[in-house]
Each structure stands twice: as structure tokens, then as C-alpha cells.
Amino acid sequence: MMPSPSAADGEQTVSASTPREIRAALTGEEIAHFDREYRHAMADAAESLDLSGVVSMLRRWQRVAWSTQDDPDAHRHMLACADELNAGGDVATESWQATKARLSL
């Protein structure tokens, strides 16, 4: 049995059930992207006998899953804005000063 990665570096540990939990939290196209990247990372790990790439990939997708779970509508809006920007479109933005004022920071 392999020891789990340490949380001493401030990162959430990744357990054996993490891939299933992450996938369950994702929406739409994210599931297909996750599946593809997970299979690739696992294939690389099988060849190299090194799971660090799998753990890194799962931590990255874990943050996506958290974003999706915290506010699915805001997450979908963020994805739509990213798609619009990638397509060369304009997306409404505000300065950091305006954001701080709006949030009373």
C-alpha cells in the first residue's frame, strides 16, 4: 500500500475516491476533458511508475470541482466568458478598485 501524499505543503490530500468525487462534481464538457486527462495521466504513470503527475492533475481538477460546487451558475458564467475571450470577443470587466469598492473591501 502506498502512503497518501502529505498535506504538509498546504494542499488537500488526494484519496483513492477523489477521481470519482471530482468527476461527479463536474458539468458538461468538463467531464469529457477530465476523463481524457485522467486516462492520459494514468497511462503515463503506468509507464513511468510515478504517480506525481496523477496527483497533480487531480489537485488541479479538484479546484475546478470546488468552483463548480460552490456556485454552478457563476462557474458556467466564467466558462462562457473564457470561451468568449478565446474566440476573440469582448467581456465586460471592472478594475480591481471598482471590485473592492463594490465588495466594501
N, C-alpha and C. Protein backbone atom coordinates (compact mmCIF):
# COMPACT_ATOMS: atom_id res chain seq x y z
N MET A 1 0.84 -1.18 0.00
CA MET A 1 0.00 0.00 0.00
C MET A 1 0.88 1.23 0.00
N MET A 2 0.52 2.20 -0.84
CA MET A 2 1.30 3.43 -0.95
C MET A 2 0.79 4.46 0.06
N PRO A 3 1.68 5.21 0.68
CA PRO A 3 1.22 6.28 1.57
C PRO A 3 0.57 7.38 0.75
N SER A 4 -0.40 8.05 1.38
CA SER A 4 -1.04 9.17 0.67
C SER A 4 -0.13 10.38 0.72
N PRO A 5 -0.28 11.29 -0.26
CA PRO A 5 0.54 12.49 -0.25
C PRO A 5 0.30 13.30 1.02
N SER A 6 1.33 13.93 1.49
CA SER A 6 1.24 14.72 2.71
C SER A 6 0.50 16.02 2.47
N ALA A 7 -0.28 16.43 3.44
CA ALA A 7 -0.97 17.71 3.37
C ALA A 7 -0.11 18.81 3.99
N ALA A 8 1.13 18.49 4.35
CA ALA A 8 2.02 19.46 4.98
C ALA A 8 2.32 20.64 4.07
N ASP A 9 2.22 20.45 2.76
CA ASP A 9 2.51 21.54 1.84
C ASP A 9 1.31 22.47 1.65
N GLY A 10 0.25 22.27 2.46
CA GLY A 10 -0.92 23.13 2.37
C GLY A 10 -1.93 22.66 1.36
N GLU A 11 -1.65 21.61 0.64
CA GLU A 11 -2.56 21.07 -0.37
C GLU A 11 -3.48 20.04 0.27
N GLN A 12 -4.68 19.95 -0.24
CA GLN A 12 -5.62 18.90 0.16
C GLN A 12 -5.06 17.56 -0.31
N THR A 13 -5.14 16.54 0.53
CA THR A 13 -4.67 15.24 0.10
C THR A 13 -5.63 14.66 -0.93
N VAL A 14 -5.11 13.79 -1.75
CA VAL A 14 -5.88 13.14 -2.80
C VAL A 14 -6.04 11.68 -2.40
N SER A 15 -7.29 11.22 -2.28
CA SER A 15 -7.54 9.84 -1.87
C SER A 15 -7.92 9.01 -3.09
N ALA A 16 -8.06 7.72 -2.87
CA ALA A 16 -8.42 6.81 -3.96
C ALA A 16 -9.79 7.14 -4.53
N SER A 17 -10.69 7.71 -3.73
CA SER A 17 -12.03 8.04 -4.21
C SER A 17 -12.09 9.42 -4.86
N THR A 18 -11.01 10.16 -4.80
CA THR A 18 -11.01 11.52 -5.32
C THR A 18 -11.41 11.61 -6.80
N PRO A 19 -10.91 10.77 -7.70
CA PRO A 19 -11.31 10.90 -9.11
C PRO A 19 -12.82 10.79 -9.30
N ARG A 20 -13.45 9.86 -8.62
CA ARG A 20 -14.90 9.69 -8.73
C ARG A 20 -15.63 10.92 -8.18
N GLU A 21 -15.17 11.43 -7.05
CA GLU A 21 -15.79 12.59 -6.42
C GLU A 21 -15.64 13.83 -7.30
N ILE A 22 -14.46 14.02 -7.86
CA ILE A 22 -14.22 15.16 -8.74
C ILE A 22 -15.12 15.06 -9.96
N ARG A 23 -15.14 13.92 -10.60
CA ARG A 23 -15.95 13.74 -11.81
C ARG A 23 -17.42 14.00 -11.54
N ALA A 24 -17.91 13.56 -10.38
CA ALA A 24 -19.32 13.75 -10.03
C ALA A 24 -19.67 15.23 -9.87
N ALA A 25 -18.70 16.06 -9.52
CA ALA A 25 -18.95 17.49 -9.31
C ALA A 25 -18.87 18.31 -10.59
N LEU A 26 -18.32 17.74 -11.64
CA LEU A 26 -18.11 18.49 -12.89
C LEU A 26 -19.39 18.57 -13.71
N THR A 27 -19.40 19.50 -14.66
CA THR A 27 -20.57 19.67 -15.52
C THR A 27 -20.15 19.62 -16.98
N GLY A 28 -21.10 19.27 -17.82
CA GLY A 28 -20.94 19.35 -19.27
C GLY A 28 -19.64 18.82 -19.82
N GLU A 29 -19.01 19.64 -20.64
CA GLU A 29 -17.77 19.26 -21.32
C GLU A 29 -16.63 18.98 -20.36
N GLU A 30 -16.71 19.53 -19.16
CA GLU A 30 -15.63 19.31 -18.19
C GLU A 30 -15.44 17.82 -17.91
N ILE A 31 -16.53 17.06 -17.91
CA ILE A 31 -16.43 15.63 -17.63
C ILE A 31 -15.57 14.94 -18.69
N ALA A 32 -15.82 15.25 -19.95
CA ALA A 32 -15.04 14.64 -21.03
C ALA A 32 -13.58 15.07 -20.96
N HIS A 33 -13.32 16.35 -20.64
CA HIS A 33 -11.94 16.82 -20.51
C HIS A 33 -11.25 16.11 -19.35
N PHE A 34 -11.96 15.98 -18.23
CA PHE A 34 -11.40 15.29 -17.07
C PHE A 34 -11.07 13.84 -17.42
N ASP A 35 -12.03 13.14 -18.04
CA ASP A 35 -11.83 11.73 -18.39
C ASP A 35 -10.60 11.55 -19.27
N ARG A 36 -10.48 12.40 -20.28
CA ARG A 36 -9.33 12.32 -21.20
C ARG A 36 -8.02 12.54 -20.46
N GLU A 37 -7.97 13.60 -19.67
CA GLU A 37 -6.73 13.92 -18.96
C GLU A 37 -6.39 12.86 -17.92
N TYR A 38 -7.41 12.33 -17.24
CA TYR A 38 -7.18 11.29 -16.24
C TYR A 38 -6.61 10.03 -16.89
N ARG A 39 -7.20 9.61 -17.98
CA ARG A 39 -6.70 8.41 -18.68
C ARG A 39 -5.25 8.61 -19.14
N HIS A 40 -4.96 9.79 -19.66
CA HIS A 40 -3.61 10.09 -20.12
C HIS A 40 -2.62 10.07 -18.94
N ALA A 41 -3.02 10.71 -17.83
CA ALA A 41 -2.14 10.75 -16.66
C ALA A 41 -1.91 9.35 -16.10
N MET A 42 -2.94 8.52 -16.10
CA MET A 42 -2.80 7.15 -15.60
C MET A 42 -1.91 6.32 -16.53
N ALA A 43 -2.05 6.51 -17.83
CA ALA A 43 -1.20 5.79 -18.78
C ALA A 43 0.26 6.19 -18.59
N ASP A 44 0.51 7.50 -18.43
CA ASP A 44 1.88 7.96 -18.18
C ASP A 44 2.43 7.36 -16.89
N ALA A 45 1.59 7.32 -15.86
CA ALA A 45 2.02 6.78 -14.57
C ALA A 45 2.34 5.29 -14.68
N ALA A 46 1.56 4.57 -15.47
CA ALA A 46 1.81 3.14 -15.65
C ALA A 46 3.17 2.91 -16.31
N GLU A 47 3.54 3.79 -17.23
CA GLU A 47 4.84 3.65 -17.92
C GLU A 47 6.00 4.09 -17.04
N SER A 48 5.81 5.18 -16.32
CA SER A 48 6.91 5.75 -15.54
C SER A 48 6.99 5.24 -14.11
N LEU A 49 5.92 4.59 -13.66
CA LEU A 49 5.81 4.14 -12.27
C LEU A 49 5.91 5.32 -11.30
N ASP A 50 5.37 6.45 -11.71
CA ASP A 50 5.41 7.68 -10.92
C ASP A 50 4.01 8.28 -10.92
N LEU A 51 3.38 8.37 -9.75
CA LEU A 51 2.02 8.89 -9.63
C LEU A 51 1.96 10.40 -9.43
N SER A 52 3.09 11.07 -9.39
CA SER A 52 3.06 12.51 -9.09
C SER A 52 2.27 13.30 -10.14
N GLY A 53 2.33 12.89 -11.39
CA GLY A 53 1.54 13.56 -12.42
C GLY A 53 0.05 13.36 -12.22
N VAL A 54 -0.35 12.18 -11.77
CA VAL A 54 -1.76 11.89 -11.49
C VAL A 54 -2.24 12.75 -10.32
N VAL A 55 -1.43 12.79 -9.26
CA VAL A 55 -1.80 13.58 -8.08
C VAL A 55 -1.91 15.06 -8.44
N SER A 56 -0.97 15.57 -9.20
CA SER A 56 -1.01 16.97 -9.62
C SER A 56 -2.26 17.26 -10.45
N MET A 57 -2.56 16.37 -11.40
CA MET A 57 -3.74 16.53 -12.24
C MET A 57 -5.02 16.51 -11.40
N LEU A 58 -5.09 15.60 -10.42
CA LEU A 58 -6.28 15.52 -9.57
C LEU A 58 -6.44 16.75 -8.70
N ARG A 59 -5.34 17.29 -8.19
CA ARG A 59 -5.42 18.52 -7.39
C ARG A 59 -5.94 19.68 -8.23
N ARG A 60 -5.47 19.77 -9.46
CA ARG A 60 -5.92 20.84 -10.35
C ARG A 60 -7.42 20.71 -10.61
N TRP A 61 -7.88 19.50 -10.95
CA TRP A 61 -9.30 19.28 -11.22
C TRP A 61 -10.14 19.40 -9.95
N GLN A 62 -9.55 19.14 -8.80
CA GLN A 62 -10.27 19.29 -7.54
C GLN A 62 -10.68 20.75 -7.35
N ARG A 63 -9.80 21.67 -7.73
CA ARG A 63 -10.14 23.09 -7.63
C ARG A 63 -11.28 23.44 -8.58
N VAL A 64 -11.30 22.86 -9.77
CA VAL A 64 -12.40 23.07 -10.71
C VAL A 64 -13.69 22.55 -10.11
N ALA A 65 -13.63 21.37 -9.51
CA ALA A 65 -14.82 20.78 -8.90
C ALA A 65 -15.35 21.66 -7.78
N TRP A 66 -14.45 22.19 -6.95
CA TRP A 66 -14.88 23.08 -5.88
C TRP A 66 -15.56 24.32 -6.44
N SER A 67 -14.98 24.89 -7.49
CA SER A 67 -15.57 26.07 -8.12
C SER A 67 -16.98 25.75 -8.64
N THR A 68 -17.12 24.60 -9.23
CA THR A 68 -18.41 24.18 -9.78
C THR A 68 -19.43 23.99 -8.66
N GLN A 69 -19.03 23.36 -7.58
CA GLN A 69 -19.94 23.08 -6.47
C GLN A 69 -20.31 24.34 -5.71
N ASP A 70 -19.37 25.25 -5.53
CA ASP A 70 -19.64 26.46 -4.74
C ASP A 70 -20.73 27.32 -5.37
N ASP A 71 -20.67 27.49 -6.67
CA ASP A 71 -21.67 28.32 -7.37
C ASP A 71 -21.72 27.89 -8.83
N PRO A 72 -22.52 26.89 -9.15
CA PRO A 72 -22.56 26.36 -10.52
C PRO A 72 -22.87 27.43 -11.57
N ASP A 73 -23.77 28.36 -11.26
CA ASP A 73 -24.10 29.41 -12.24
C ASP A 73 -22.91 30.33 -12.49
N ALA A 74 -22.23 30.72 -11.43
CA ALA A 74 -21.05 31.57 -11.59
C ALA A 74 -19.95 30.82 -12.34
N HIS A 75 -19.81 29.54 -12.07
CA HIS A 75 -18.80 28.74 -12.77
C HIS A 75 -19.12 28.67 -14.26
N ARG A 76 -20.39 28.41 -14.61
CA ARG A 76 -20.78 28.37 -16.02
C ARG A 76 -20.56 29.73 -16.69
N HIS A 77 -20.86 30.82 -15.95
CA HIS A 77 -20.63 32.16 -16.49
C HIS A 77 -19.15 32.39 -16.75
N MET A 78 -18.30 31.96 -15.83
CA MET A 78 -16.85 32.09 -16.00
C MET A 78 -16.39 31.33 -17.25
N LEU A 79 -16.92 30.11 -17.44
CA LEU A 79 -16.55 29.32 -18.62
C LEU A 79 -17.01 30.00 -19.90
N ALA A 80 -18.21 30.57 -19.88
CA ALA A 80 -18.73 31.26 -21.06
C ALA A 80 -17.86 32.48 -21.38
N CYS A 81 -17.44 33.21 -20.36
CA CYS A 81 -16.57 34.37 -20.57
C CYS A 81 -15.22 33.93 -21.13
N ALA A 82 -14.68 32.85 -20.61
CA ALA A 82 -13.41 32.33 -21.12
C ALA A 82 -13.54 31.93 -22.58
N ASP A 83 -14.65 31.27 -22.93
CA ASP A 83 -14.88 30.89 -24.33
C ASP A 83 -14.97 32.12 -25.22
N GLU A 84 -15.66 33.14 -24.73
CA GLU A 84 -15.81 34.39 -25.50
C GLU A 84 -14.46 35.06 -25.71
N LEU A 85 -13.66 35.11 -24.67
CA LEU A 85 -12.32 35.69 -24.78
C LEU A 85 -11.44 34.89 -25.73
N ASN A 86 -11.50 33.55 -25.64
CA ASN A 86 -10.72 32.70 -26.53
C ASN A 86 -11.13 32.85 -27.98
N ALA A 87 -12.39 33.22 -28.20
CA ALA A 87 -12.90 33.42 -29.56
C ALA A 87 -12.60 34.84 -30.06
N GLY A 88 -11.92 35.65 -29.24
CA GLY A 88 -11.56 36.99 -29.66
C GLY A 88 -12.60 38.04 -29.31
N GLY A 89 -13.61 37.66 -28.54
CA GLY A 89 -14.67 38.59 -28.17
C GLY A 89 -14.30 39.46 -26.99
N ASP A 90 -15.21 40.38 -26.68
CA ASP A 90 -15.03 41.26 -25.53
C ASP A 90 -15.89 40.78 -24.37
N VAL A 91 -15.35 40.91 -23.18
CA VAL A 91 -16.07 40.53 -21.97
C VAL A 91 -16.01 41.72 -21.02
N ALA A 92 -17.16 42.05 -20.46
CA ALA A 92 -17.22 43.18 -19.53
C ALA A 92 -16.35 42.87 -18.31
N THR A 93 -15.54 43.83 -17.94
CA THR A 93 -14.67 43.69 -16.77
C THR A 93 -14.77 44.94 -15.93
N GLU A 94 -14.19 44.89 -14.75
CA GLU A 94 -14.10 46.07 -13.91
C GLU A 94 -12.72 46.09 -13.26
N SER A 95 -12.29 47.26 -12.90
CA SER A 95 -10.97 47.39 -12.28
C SER A 95 -10.99 46.79 -10.88
N TRP A 96 -9.80 46.50 -10.35
CA TRP A 96 -9.68 45.97 -9.00
C TRP A 96 -10.24 46.99 -8.01
N GLN A 97 -9.99 48.27 -8.26
CA GLN A 97 -10.51 49.31 -7.37
C GLN A 97 -12.04 49.28 -7.34
N ALA A 98 -12.67 49.12 -8.51
CA ALA A 98 -14.13 49.06 -8.57
C ALA A 98 -14.66 47.82 -7.86
N THR A 99 -13.95 46.72 -8.02
CA THR A 99 -14.37 45.47 -7.36
C THR A 99 -14.29 45.64 -5.84
N LYS A 100 -13.18 46.21 -5.35
CA LYS A 100 -13.02 46.41 -3.91
C LYS A 100 -14.13 47.32 -3.38
N ALA A 101 -14.45 48.37 -4.12
CA ALA A 101 -15.50 49.28 -3.67
C ALA A 101 -16.86 48.58 -3.65
N ARG A 102 -17.13 47.81 -4.69
CA ARG A 102 -18.42 47.10 -4.77
C ARG A 102 -18.56 46.09 -3.64
N LEU A 103 -17.46 45.46 -3.23
CA LEU A 103 -17.49 44.47 -2.17
C LEU A 103 -17.17 45.06 -0.80
N SER A 104 -17.02 46.39 -0.73
CA SER A 104 -16.70 47.09 0.51
C SER A 104 -15.44 46.54 1.18
N LEU A 105 -14.41 46.36 0.36
CA LEU A 105 -13.14 45.86 0.89
C LEU A 105 -12.18 46.99 1.20
